[in-house]
N, C-alpha and C. Protein backbone atom coordinates (compact mmCIF):
# COMPACT_ATOMS: atom_id res chain seq x y z
N MET A 1 0.84 -1.17 0.00
CA MET A 1 0.00 0.00 0.00
C MET A 1 0.89 1.24 0.00
N GLN A 2 0.61 2.18 -0.87
CA GLN A 2 1.39 3.39 -0.94
C GLN A 2 1.21 4.20 0.34
N SER A 3 2.30 4.76 0.82
CA SER A 3 2.28 5.45 2.10
C SER A 3 3.25 6.62 2.07
N TYR A 4 2.72 7.84 2.07
CA TYR A 4 3.55 9.04 2.07
C TYR A 4 3.86 9.47 3.50
N ASP A 5 4.99 10.17 3.65
CA ASP A 5 5.24 10.88 4.90
C ASP A 5 4.43 12.17 4.85
N ASP A 6 3.89 12.57 5.96
CA ASP A 6 3.02 13.76 6.00
C ASP A 6 3.73 15.04 5.57
N ASP A 7 5.02 15.14 5.81
CA ASP A 7 5.73 16.38 5.52
C ASP A 7 6.39 16.41 4.13
N TRP A 8 6.14 15.43 3.30
CA TRP A 8 6.71 15.42 1.95
C TRP A 8 6.05 16.46 1.06
N THR A 9 6.86 17.03 0.18
CA THR A 9 6.35 17.97 -0.82
C THR A 9 5.70 17.17 -1.96
N ASP A 10 5.04 17.89 -2.84
CA ASP A 10 4.44 17.23 -4.00
C ASP A 10 5.52 16.56 -4.86
N GLY A 11 6.69 17.18 -4.96
CA GLY A 11 7.79 16.59 -5.72
C GLY A 11 8.28 15.29 -5.11
N GLN A 12 8.38 15.26 -3.78
CA GLN A 12 8.81 14.04 -3.11
C GLN A 12 7.76 12.94 -3.27
N ARG A 13 6.50 13.32 -3.24
CA ARG A 13 5.43 12.33 -3.46
C ARG A 13 5.48 11.78 -4.88
N ALA A 14 5.83 12.62 -5.83
CA ALA A 14 5.95 12.16 -7.22
C ALA A 14 7.12 11.18 -7.36
N VAL A 15 8.25 11.45 -6.69
CA VAL A 15 9.38 10.53 -6.71
C VAL A 15 8.97 9.21 -6.09
N TYR A 16 8.28 9.27 -4.95
CA TYR A 16 7.80 8.05 -4.29
C TYR A 16 6.93 7.25 -5.26
N ASP A 17 5.96 7.91 -5.90
CA ASP A 17 5.04 7.22 -6.81
C ASP A 17 5.78 6.53 -7.96
N GLU A 18 6.74 7.23 -8.56
CA GLU A 18 7.49 6.64 -9.67
C GLU A 18 8.36 5.48 -9.21
N CYS A 19 8.98 5.63 -8.05
CA CYS A 19 9.83 4.55 -7.53
C CYS A 19 8.98 3.37 -7.07
N TYR A 20 7.81 3.65 -6.54
CA TYR A 20 6.88 2.59 -6.14
C TYR A 20 6.53 1.74 -7.37
N GLN A 21 6.16 2.42 -8.45
CA GLN A 21 5.81 1.72 -9.69
C GLN A 21 6.99 0.92 -10.22
N ALA A 22 8.17 1.53 -10.20
CA ALA A 22 9.37 0.83 -10.68
C ALA A 22 9.66 -0.40 -9.83
N GLY A 23 9.52 -0.28 -8.52
CA GLY A 23 9.75 -1.42 -7.62
C GLY A 23 8.76 -2.54 -7.87
N ALA A 24 7.50 -2.18 -8.06
CA ALA A 24 6.48 -3.19 -8.32
C ALA A 24 6.73 -3.91 -9.64
N GLU A 25 7.11 -3.16 -10.66
CA GLU A 25 7.40 -3.77 -11.96
C GLU A 25 8.64 -4.66 -11.88
N TRP A 26 9.67 -4.19 -11.19
CA TRP A 26 10.90 -4.96 -11.06
C TRP A 26 10.63 -6.27 -10.32
N ALA A 27 9.89 -6.20 -9.23
CA ALA A 27 9.59 -7.40 -8.44
C ALA A 27 8.70 -8.37 -9.22
N GLY A 28 7.84 -7.83 -10.07
CA GLY A 28 6.94 -8.67 -10.84
C GLY A 28 7.54 -9.26 -12.10
N ASP A 29 8.73 -8.81 -12.46
CA ASP A 29 9.41 -9.31 -13.65
C ASP A 29 9.90 -10.74 -13.39
N PRO A 30 9.48 -11.70 -14.22
CA PRO A 30 9.90 -13.08 -13.99
C PRO A 30 11.41 -13.29 -14.09
N ASP A 31 12.13 -12.35 -14.71
CA ASP A 31 13.59 -12.48 -14.82
C ASP A 31 14.33 -11.96 -13.58
N THR A 32 13.59 -11.33 -12.67
CA THR A 32 14.22 -10.84 -11.44
C THR A 32 14.40 -12.01 -10.48
N PRO A 33 15.63 -12.29 -10.07
CA PRO A 33 15.86 -13.42 -9.15
C PRO A 33 15.17 -13.20 -7.80
N SER A 34 14.60 -14.25 -7.27
CA SER A 34 13.88 -14.15 -6.00
C SER A 34 14.81 -13.71 -4.86
N GLU A 35 16.09 -14.05 -4.95
CA GLU A 35 17.04 -13.62 -3.92
C GLU A 35 17.19 -12.10 -3.92
N ASP A 36 17.14 -11.49 -5.10
CA ASP A 36 17.24 -10.03 -5.19
C ASP A 36 15.99 -9.38 -4.61
N VAL A 37 14.84 -9.95 -4.91
CA VAL A 37 13.60 -9.43 -4.35
C VAL A 37 13.64 -9.54 -2.83
N GLN A 38 14.09 -10.67 -2.32
CA GLN A 38 14.18 -10.85 -0.87
C GLN A 38 15.13 -9.84 -0.25
N HIS A 39 16.23 -9.52 -0.94
CA HIS A 39 17.18 -8.53 -0.44
C HIS A 39 16.48 -7.18 -0.23
N VAL A 40 15.69 -6.75 -1.20
CA VAL A 40 14.99 -5.47 -1.09
C VAL A 40 13.94 -5.54 0.03
N ILE A 41 13.25 -6.66 0.14
CA ILE A 41 12.27 -6.81 1.22
C ILE A 41 12.98 -6.72 2.58
N ASN A 42 14.14 -7.32 2.69
CA ASN A 42 14.90 -7.23 3.94
C ASN A 42 15.27 -5.78 4.24
N LEU A 43 15.67 -5.04 3.23
CA LEU A 43 15.96 -3.62 3.42
C LEU A 43 14.70 -2.86 3.86
N ALA A 44 13.58 -3.20 3.25
CA ALA A 44 12.33 -2.52 3.58
C ALA A 44 11.89 -2.80 5.02
N GLU A 45 12.19 -3.98 5.50
CA GLU A 45 11.78 -4.38 6.83
C GLU A 45 12.74 -3.90 7.92
N ALA A 46 13.94 -3.49 7.54
CA ALA A 46 14.94 -3.07 8.53
C ALA A 46 14.53 -1.74 9.15
N ASP A 47 14.91 -1.58 10.39
CA ASP A 47 14.67 -0.34 11.13
C ASP A 47 15.68 0.70 10.67
N ASP A 48 15.26 1.95 10.54
CA ASP A 48 16.18 3.01 10.11
C ASP A 48 17.38 3.13 11.03
N ASP A 49 17.24 2.79 12.30
CA ASP A 49 18.38 2.85 13.22
C ASP A 49 19.49 1.89 12.80
N THR A 50 19.11 0.83 12.11
CA THR A 50 20.09 -0.14 11.61
C THR A 50 20.99 0.49 10.55
N PHE A 51 20.41 1.37 9.75
CA PHE A 51 21.14 1.98 8.64
C PHE A 51 22.05 3.12 9.06
N GLY A 52 21.67 3.85 10.09
CA GLY A 52 22.42 5.05 10.44
C GLY A 52 22.30 6.04 9.29
N ASP A 53 23.42 6.53 8.82
CA ASP A 53 23.43 7.46 7.68
C ASP A 53 23.87 6.75 6.40
N ALA A 54 23.64 5.46 6.34
CA ALA A 54 24.10 4.66 5.20
C ALA A 54 23.36 5.01 3.92
N GLU A 55 24.03 4.74 2.84
CA GLU A 55 23.44 4.87 1.51
C GLU A 55 23.59 3.53 0.82
N THR A 56 22.71 3.26 -0.11
CA THR A 56 22.79 2.02 -0.85
C THR A 56 23.00 2.32 -2.32
N ASP A 57 23.79 1.48 -2.96
CA ASP A 57 24.02 1.64 -4.40
C ASP A 57 23.41 0.47 -5.16
N TYR A 58 22.37 -0.12 -4.60
CA TYR A 58 21.71 -1.27 -5.22
C TYR A 58 21.16 -0.84 -6.58
N PRO A 59 21.65 -1.42 -7.68
CA PRO A 59 21.36 -0.92 -9.03
C PRO A 59 19.88 -0.72 -9.37
N PRO A 60 18.97 -1.66 -9.11
CA PRO A 60 17.58 -1.39 -9.50
C PRO A 60 16.99 -0.18 -8.77
N LEU A 61 17.36 0.01 -7.51
CA LEU A 61 16.88 1.15 -6.74
C LEU A 61 17.48 2.45 -7.25
N VAL A 62 18.78 2.46 -7.48
CA VAL A 62 19.45 3.65 -7.99
C VAL A 62 18.88 4.03 -9.36
N ASP A 63 18.66 3.05 -10.22
CA ASP A 63 18.08 3.32 -11.54
C ASP A 63 16.68 3.92 -11.43
N ALA A 64 15.88 3.40 -10.50
CA ALA A 64 14.51 3.91 -10.32
C ALA A 64 14.54 5.36 -9.86
N VAL A 65 15.42 5.68 -8.91
CA VAL A 65 15.52 7.05 -8.41
C VAL A 65 16.06 7.98 -9.49
N ALA A 66 17.05 7.52 -10.25
CA ALA A 66 17.59 8.35 -11.34
C ALA A 66 16.51 8.66 -12.37
N GLN A 67 15.71 7.67 -12.70
CA GLN A 67 14.63 7.89 -13.67
C GLN A 67 13.56 8.82 -13.09
N ALA A 68 13.22 8.63 -11.83
CA ALA A 68 12.17 9.44 -11.20
C ALA A 68 12.59 10.90 -11.03
N THR A 69 13.87 11.12 -10.73
CA THR A 69 14.33 12.49 -10.48
C THR A 69 14.91 13.16 -11.71
N GLY A 70 15.29 12.36 -12.70
CA GLY A 70 15.94 12.92 -13.88
C GLY A 70 17.37 13.34 -13.60
N GLU A 71 17.92 12.87 -12.49
CA GLU A 71 19.29 13.21 -12.11
C GLU A 71 20.15 11.96 -12.11
N ASN A 72 21.44 12.15 -12.34
CA ASN A 72 22.38 11.05 -12.29
C ASN A 72 22.75 10.81 -10.82
N VAL A 73 22.26 9.71 -10.25
CA VAL A 73 22.57 9.39 -8.86
C VAL A 73 23.38 8.09 -8.82
N THR A 74 24.24 8.00 -7.82
CA THR A 74 25.06 6.80 -7.68
C THR A 74 24.69 6.02 -6.42
N SER A 75 23.94 6.66 -5.52
CA SER A 75 23.48 5.98 -4.32
C SER A 75 22.22 6.67 -3.81
N VAL A 76 21.53 5.98 -2.93
CA VAL A 76 20.27 6.47 -2.37
C VAL A 76 20.34 6.31 -0.85
N PRO A 77 19.90 7.31 -0.09
CA PRO A 77 19.88 7.13 1.36
C PRO A 77 19.04 5.92 1.75
N ALA A 78 19.59 5.08 2.59
CA ALA A 78 18.87 3.90 3.08
C ALA A 78 18.03 4.35 4.27
N SER A 79 16.90 4.95 3.95
CA SER A 79 16.04 5.52 4.99
C SER A 79 14.59 5.49 4.53
N HIS A 80 13.72 5.13 5.44
CA HIS A 80 12.30 5.12 5.13
C HIS A 80 11.72 6.53 5.01
N SER A 81 12.51 7.54 5.34
CA SER A 81 12.06 8.91 5.14
C SER A 81 12.46 9.44 3.76
N ASP A 82 13.27 8.66 3.03
CA ASP A 82 13.65 9.04 1.67
C ASP A 82 12.58 8.53 0.71
N PRO A 83 11.98 9.40 -0.09
CA PRO A 83 10.87 8.96 -0.96
C PRO A 83 11.28 7.93 -2.01
N GLY A 84 12.50 8.00 -2.52
CA GLY A 84 12.95 7.02 -3.51
C GLY A 84 13.10 5.64 -2.90
N PHE A 85 13.82 5.57 -1.79
CA PHE A 85 14.02 4.30 -1.09
C PHE A 85 12.69 3.71 -0.64
N LYS A 86 11.89 4.51 0.04
CA LYS A 86 10.61 4.03 0.57
C LYS A 86 9.67 3.61 -0.56
N GLY A 87 9.61 4.40 -1.62
CA GLY A 87 8.73 4.07 -2.73
C GLY A 87 9.10 2.75 -3.39
N PHE A 88 10.39 2.58 -3.68
CA PHE A 88 10.84 1.35 -4.33
C PHE A 88 10.58 0.15 -3.43
N ALA A 89 10.96 0.27 -2.16
CA ALA A 89 10.78 -0.84 -1.22
C ALA A 89 9.31 -1.19 -1.03
N ASP A 90 8.46 -0.17 -0.91
CA ASP A 90 7.02 -0.43 -0.76
C ASP A 90 6.45 -1.10 -2.00
N GLY A 91 6.89 -0.66 -3.17
CA GLY A 91 6.42 -1.27 -4.42
C GLY A 91 6.81 -2.73 -4.52
N VAL A 92 8.05 -3.03 -4.15
CA VAL A 92 8.52 -4.42 -4.18
C VAL A 92 7.71 -5.26 -3.20
N ARG A 93 7.58 -4.75 -2.00
CA ARG A 93 6.86 -5.50 -0.96
C ARG A 93 5.40 -5.75 -1.36
N ASP A 94 4.75 -4.73 -1.90
CA ASP A 94 3.34 -4.87 -2.26
C ASP A 94 3.12 -5.77 -3.48
N ALA A 95 4.12 -5.84 -4.36
CA ALA A 95 4.00 -6.66 -5.56
C ALA A 95 4.34 -8.13 -5.31
N THR A 96 4.85 -8.42 -4.14
CA THR A 96 5.33 -9.76 -3.83
C THR A 96 4.33 -10.51 -2.98
N ALA A 97 4.07 -11.72 -3.37
CA ALA A 97 3.13 -12.54 -2.60
C ALA A 97 3.72 -12.87 -1.23
N GLY A 98 2.97 -12.64 -0.18
CA GLY A 98 3.43 -12.86 1.18
C GLY A 98 3.79 -14.30 1.46
N GLU A 99 3.07 -15.21 0.88
CA GLU A 99 3.37 -16.62 1.16
C GLU A 99 4.68 -17.07 0.53
N VAL A 100 5.16 -16.33 -0.48
CA VAL A 100 6.41 -16.69 -1.12
C VAL A 100 7.60 -16.23 -0.29
N PHE A 101 7.50 -15.02 0.27
CA PHE A 101 8.63 -14.43 0.96
C PHE A 101 8.42 -14.30 2.47
N GLY A 102 7.39 -14.88 2.97
CA GLY A 102 7.19 -14.89 4.42
C GLY A 102 6.82 -13.57 5.01
N LEU A 103 6.14 -12.73 4.28
CA LEU A 103 5.74 -11.43 4.83
C LEU A 103 4.49 -11.58 5.66
């Protein structure tokens, strides 16, 4: 289910929406390895305290954010308050059957 932070701007919500769609499409692609999908689900389930100020350079996520923002990015903040990270992770999680990945 799509979920915005209350303090996000319209631009941040648009990034979330595009990354959500990209995550859902990526997870639904039969060529995407289930281990990769599980990796993103694990990131989505992790507490932000676990990440600290970490960034991730996970290619499908970075590509989704680059496409959504129109900017060349090499990493994305690993934080549920970041619209790109949260959107992609939510899209993957929502597109994935719970019985397959134990959600």
